[in-house]
């Protein structure tokens, strides 16, 4: 880690791969993304946070955020700090009054918090250099390149506002049914329309 410099990034998407679930962290303005493999529960939690899906009871990340709020702690940013021996490292940077607090965290947990709070995400440039892949190399299940900026031709004649409302309803239903892969696909489509 040492003198690593950081770049601001975003949680680009969560995807299922033949090696498991991965959250893709993409530096802003970059054509590269870093896939970080995570567990199923962590993937679901990040998707719920990204989709702003209300839950009837708080999940672990919601509980952590509520505890921090009650203690007067604000999360300033999360960072993906290092990659050593195939393991990613992260931290959550917080503030309580004038006191700065840094907590080591698994990247999946830090990103779960960031997805809910919409706080800045940063990633070490060295991690991007070592593990980043070109976004045009990321494939969907039907072997088509995915891009958050393209529209599907088969839906081009659909009214955008009605389409977005329909997709939001389907997203809510997918989360309630715990079909998180479908929820991720719907969330990505909603982001394309925004």
Protein backbone atom coordinates (compact mmCIF):
# COMPACT_ATOMS: atom_id res chain seq x y z
CA UNK A 1 0.00 0.00 0.00
CA UNK A 2 2.59 2.59 1.09
CA UNK A 3 2.49 5.73 -1.06
CA UNK A 4 -0.31 4.59 -3.33
CA UNK A 5 -2.38 7.34 -4.90
CA UNK A 6 -6.12 6.96 -5.26
CA UNK A 7 -8.63 7.77 -7.98
CA UNK A 8 -12.34 8.28 -7.51
CA UNK A 9 -14.41 5.36 -8.74
CA UNK A 10 -17.95 4.00 -8.88
CA UNK A 11 -19.62 0.69 -8.26
CA UNK A 12 -20.21 -0.02 -11.94
CA UNK A 13 -22.17 -3.25 -11.63
CA UNK A 14 -22.47 -6.56 -9.84
CA UNK A 15 -22.22 -9.61 -12.06
CA UNK A 16 -22.36 -13.37 -11.83
CA UNK A 17 -19.40 -15.11 -13.47
CA UNK A 18 -18.26 -18.69 -13.82
CA UNK A 19 -15.97 -17.98 -10.84
CA UNK A 20 -18.74 -16.53 -8.66
CA UNK A 21 -20.16 -13.06 -7.99
CA UNK A 22 -18.07 -10.00 -8.72
CA UNK A 23 -18.56 -6.32 -8.01
CA UNK A 24 -16.93 -4.21 -10.71
CA UNK A 25 -15.33 -1.00 -9.47
CA UNK A 26 -14.65 1.46 -12.30
CA UNK A 27 -12.53 4.61 -11.93
CA UNK A 28 -14.51 7.64 -13.10
CA UNK A 29 -13.84 8.43 -16.76
CA UNK A 30 -11.88 5.20 -17.23
CA UNK A 31 -12.47 2.38 -19.69
CA UNK A 32 -11.18 -0.14 -17.15
CA UNK A 33 -12.94 -1.83 -14.23
CA UNK A 34 -11.62 -3.94 -11.38
CA UNK A 35 -13.58 -7.15 -10.69
CA UNK A 36 -13.63 -8.02 -7.00
CA UNK A 37 -15.08 -11.45 -6.28
CA UNK A 38 -17.51 -11.47 -3.38
CA UNK A 39 -19.98 -13.79 -1.69
CA UNK A 40 -23.64 -14.13 -2.63
CA UNK A 41 -24.91 -12.29 0.47
CA UNK A 42 -22.53 -9.40 -0.08
CA UNK A 43 -23.58 -9.20 -3.75
CA UNK A 44 -27.23 -9.09 -2.72
CA UNK A 45 -26.57 -6.38 -0.15
CA UNK A 46 -24.71 -4.19 -2.65
CA UNK A 47 -27.52 -4.62 -5.20
CA UNK A 48 -30.12 -3.67 -2.61
CA UNK A 49 -28.09 -0.56 -1.74
CA UNK A 50 -27.58 0.43 -5.37
CA UNK A 51 -31.26 -0.02 -6.11
CA UNK A 52 -32.34 2.00 -3.05
CA UNK A 53 -34.67 -0.89 -2.28
CA UNK A 54 -36.42 -0.47 1.06
CA UNK A 55 -36.20 -3.54 3.26
CA UNK A 56 -38.78 -4.42 5.91
CA UNK A 57 -35.99 -4.97 8.45
CA UNK A 58 -32.41 -3.69 8.44
CA UNK A 59 -29.69 -5.86 6.92
CA UNK A 60 -26.19 -5.90 8.40
CA UNK A 61 -24.96 -2.88 6.43
CA UNK A 62 -28.11 -0.94 7.35
CA UNK A 63 -27.53 -1.81 11.02
CA UNK A 64 -23.91 -0.58 10.86
CA UNK A 65 -25.03 2.70 9.28
CA UNK A 66 -27.74 3.20 11.91
CA UNK A 67 -25.20 2.60 14.70
CA UNK A 68 -22.75 5.08 13.17
CA UNK A 69 -25.49 7.70 12.83
CA UNK A 70 -26.53 7.26 16.49
CA UNK A 71 -22.88 7.73 17.51
CA UNK A 72 -22.56 10.90 15.41
CA UNK A 73 -20.14 9.32 12.95
CA UNK A 74 -20.29 10.17 9.25
CA UNK A 75 -18.74 8.07 6.52
CA UNK A 76 -16.61 10.30 4.31
CA UNK A 77 -15.45 7.73 1.77
CA UNK A 78 -14.49 4.11 1.23
CA UNK A 79 -11.27 2.95 -0.37
CA UNK A 80 -10.01 -0.17 -2.08
CA UNK A 81 -6.44 0.11 -0.85
CA UNK A 82 -4.44 -2.89 -1.93
CA UNK A 83 -4.27 -6.24 -3.68
CA UNK A 84 -1.90 -8.80 -2.16
CA UNK A 85 -1.74 -12.49 -3.05
CA UNK A 86 -5.11 -12.30 -4.78
CA UNK A 87 -6.86 -10.66 -1.80
CA UNK A 88 -8.28 -7.14 -2.00
CA UNK A 89 -8.09 -4.82 1.01
CA UNK A 90 -10.25 -1.84 1.87
CA UNK A 91 -11.08 0.68 4.53
CA UNK A 92 -13.86 3.01 5.54
CA UNK A 93 -12.85 6.59 6.37
CA UNK A 94 -15.15 8.31 8.85
CA UNK A 95 -15.40 11.43 10.93
CA UNK A 96 -16.83 12.02 14.41
CA UNK A 97 -16.77 15.74 15.10
CA UNK A 98 -13.18 16.71 14.32
CA UNK A 99 -11.85 13.19 14.95
CA UNK A 100 -10.91 11.19 11.83
CA UNK A 101 -11.44 7.41 11.99
CA UNK A 102 -10.11 4.75 9.61
CA UNK A 103 -11.41 1.18 9.85
CA UNK A 104 -10.00 -1.76 7.89
CA UNK A 105 -12.75 -3.50 5.95
CA UNK A 106 -13.34 -6.16 3.37
CA UNK A 107 -13.99 -4.30 0.11
CA UNK A 108 -17.40 -5.99 -0.19
CA UNK A 109 -18.51 -4.57 3.18
CA UNK A 110 -17.09 -1.11 2.45
CA UNK A 111 -18.90 -1.10 -0.91
CA UNK A 112 -22.12 -2.28 0.76
CA UNK A 113 -21.96 0.77 3.01
CA UNK A 114 -21.03 3.08 0.12
CA UNK A 115 -23.93 1.81 -2.00
CA UNK A 116 -26.38 2.82 0.73
CA UNK A 117 -24.84 6.16 1.66
CA UNK A 118 -23.85 7.17 -1.89
CA UNK A 119 -20.52 8.26 -0.47
CA UNK A 120 -17.40 8.54 -2.61
CA UNK A 121 -15.51 5.38 -3.54
CA UNK A 122 -11.78 5.52 -4.22
CA UNK A 123 -9.43 2.84 -5.51
CA UNK A 124 -5.65 2.72 -5.45
CA UNK A 125 -4.13 3.32 -8.88
CA UNK A 126 -1.82 0.35 -8.25
CA UNK A 127 -4.88 -1.93 -7.85
CA UNK A 128 -6.36 -0.65 -11.12
CA UNK A 129 -3.04 -1.24 -12.89
CA UNK A 130 -2.73 -4.77 -11.50
CA UNK A 131 -6.31 -6.04 -11.69
CA UNK A 132 -8.19 -3.72 -14.06
CA UNK A 133 -9.73 -5.09 -17.24
CA UNK A 134 -11.12 -3.24 -20.23
CA UNK A 135 -14.86 -2.68 -19.82
CA UNK A 136 -15.45 -3.73 -23.43
CA UNK A 137 -14.05 -7.15 -22.50
CA UNK A 138 -16.79 -7.79 -19.93
CA UNK A 139 -19.38 -10.13 -21.40
CA UNK A 140 -22.98 -10.89 -20.52
CA UNK A 141 -24.39 -14.41 -20.33
CA UNK A 142 -25.47 -14.27 -23.98
CA UNK A 143 -21.90 -13.21 -24.93
CA UNK A 144 -22.77 -9.64 -25.82
CA UNK A 145 -20.58 -6.86 -24.49
CA UNK A 146 -22.35 -4.94 -21.74
CA UNK A 147 -22.18 -1.19 -21.45
CA UNK A 148 -24.05 1.06 -19.06
CA UNK A 149 -24.25 3.69 -21.81
CA UNK A 150 -25.98 1.76 -24.60
CA UNK A 151 -29.70 1.27 -25.22
CA UNK A 152 -31.22 -2.05 -26.22
CA UNK A 153 -32.51 -1.77 -29.80
CA UNK A 154 -35.52 -3.96 -29.08
CA UNK A 155 -36.84 -1.48 -26.52
CA UNK A 156 -36.22 1.72 -28.49
CA UNK A 157 -39.91 2.32 -29.21
CA UNK A 158 -40.89 2.19 -25.52
CA UNK A 159 -41.77 5.44 -23.74
CA UNK A 160 -38.78 6.08 -21.36
CA UNK A 161 -40.79 7.23 -18.31
CA UNK A 162 -43.27 4.34 -18.59
CA UNK A 163 -40.39 1.94 -19.17
CA UNK A 164 -38.56 3.19 -16.08
CA UNK A 165 -41.70 2.90 -13.93
CA UNK A 166 -42.27 -0.64 -15.19
CA UNK A 167 -38.64 -1.56 -14.50
CA UNK A 168 -38.78 -0.09 -10.98
CA UNK A 169 -41.85 -2.21 -10.25
CA UNK A 170 -40.12 -5.31 -11.63
CA UNK A 171 -37.00 -4.49 -9.57
CA UNK A 172 -39.04 -4.33 -6.37
CA UNK A 173 -40.70 -7.66 -7.23
CA UNK A 174 -37.35 -9.30 -8.01
CA UNK A 175 -35.89 -8.18 -4.65
CA UNK A 176 -38.98 -9.35 -2.76
CA UNK A 177 -38.66 -12.72 -4.51
CA UNK A 178 -34.91 -12.72 -3.67
CA UNK A 179 -34.04 -13.02 -7.38
CA UNK A 180 -30.96 -10.83 -7.12
CA UNK A 181 -29.49 -11.62 -10.53
CA UNK A 182 -32.68 -10.34 -12.15
CA UNK A 183 -32.62 -7.36 -9.79
CA UNK A 184 -29.08 -6.51 -10.95
CA UNK A 185 -30.11 -6.73 -14.60
CA UNK A 186 -33.12 -4.49 -13.96
CA UNK A 187 -31.05 -2.01 -11.95
CA UNK A 188 -28.55 -1.74 -14.81
CA UNK A 189 -31.35 -1.15 -17.32
CA UNK A 190 -32.85 1.56 -15.07
CA UNK A 191 -29.43 3.25 -14.88
CA UNK A 192 -29.22 3.22 -18.68
CA UNK A 193 -32.54 5.08 -18.87
CA UNK A 194 -31.55 7.68 -16.27
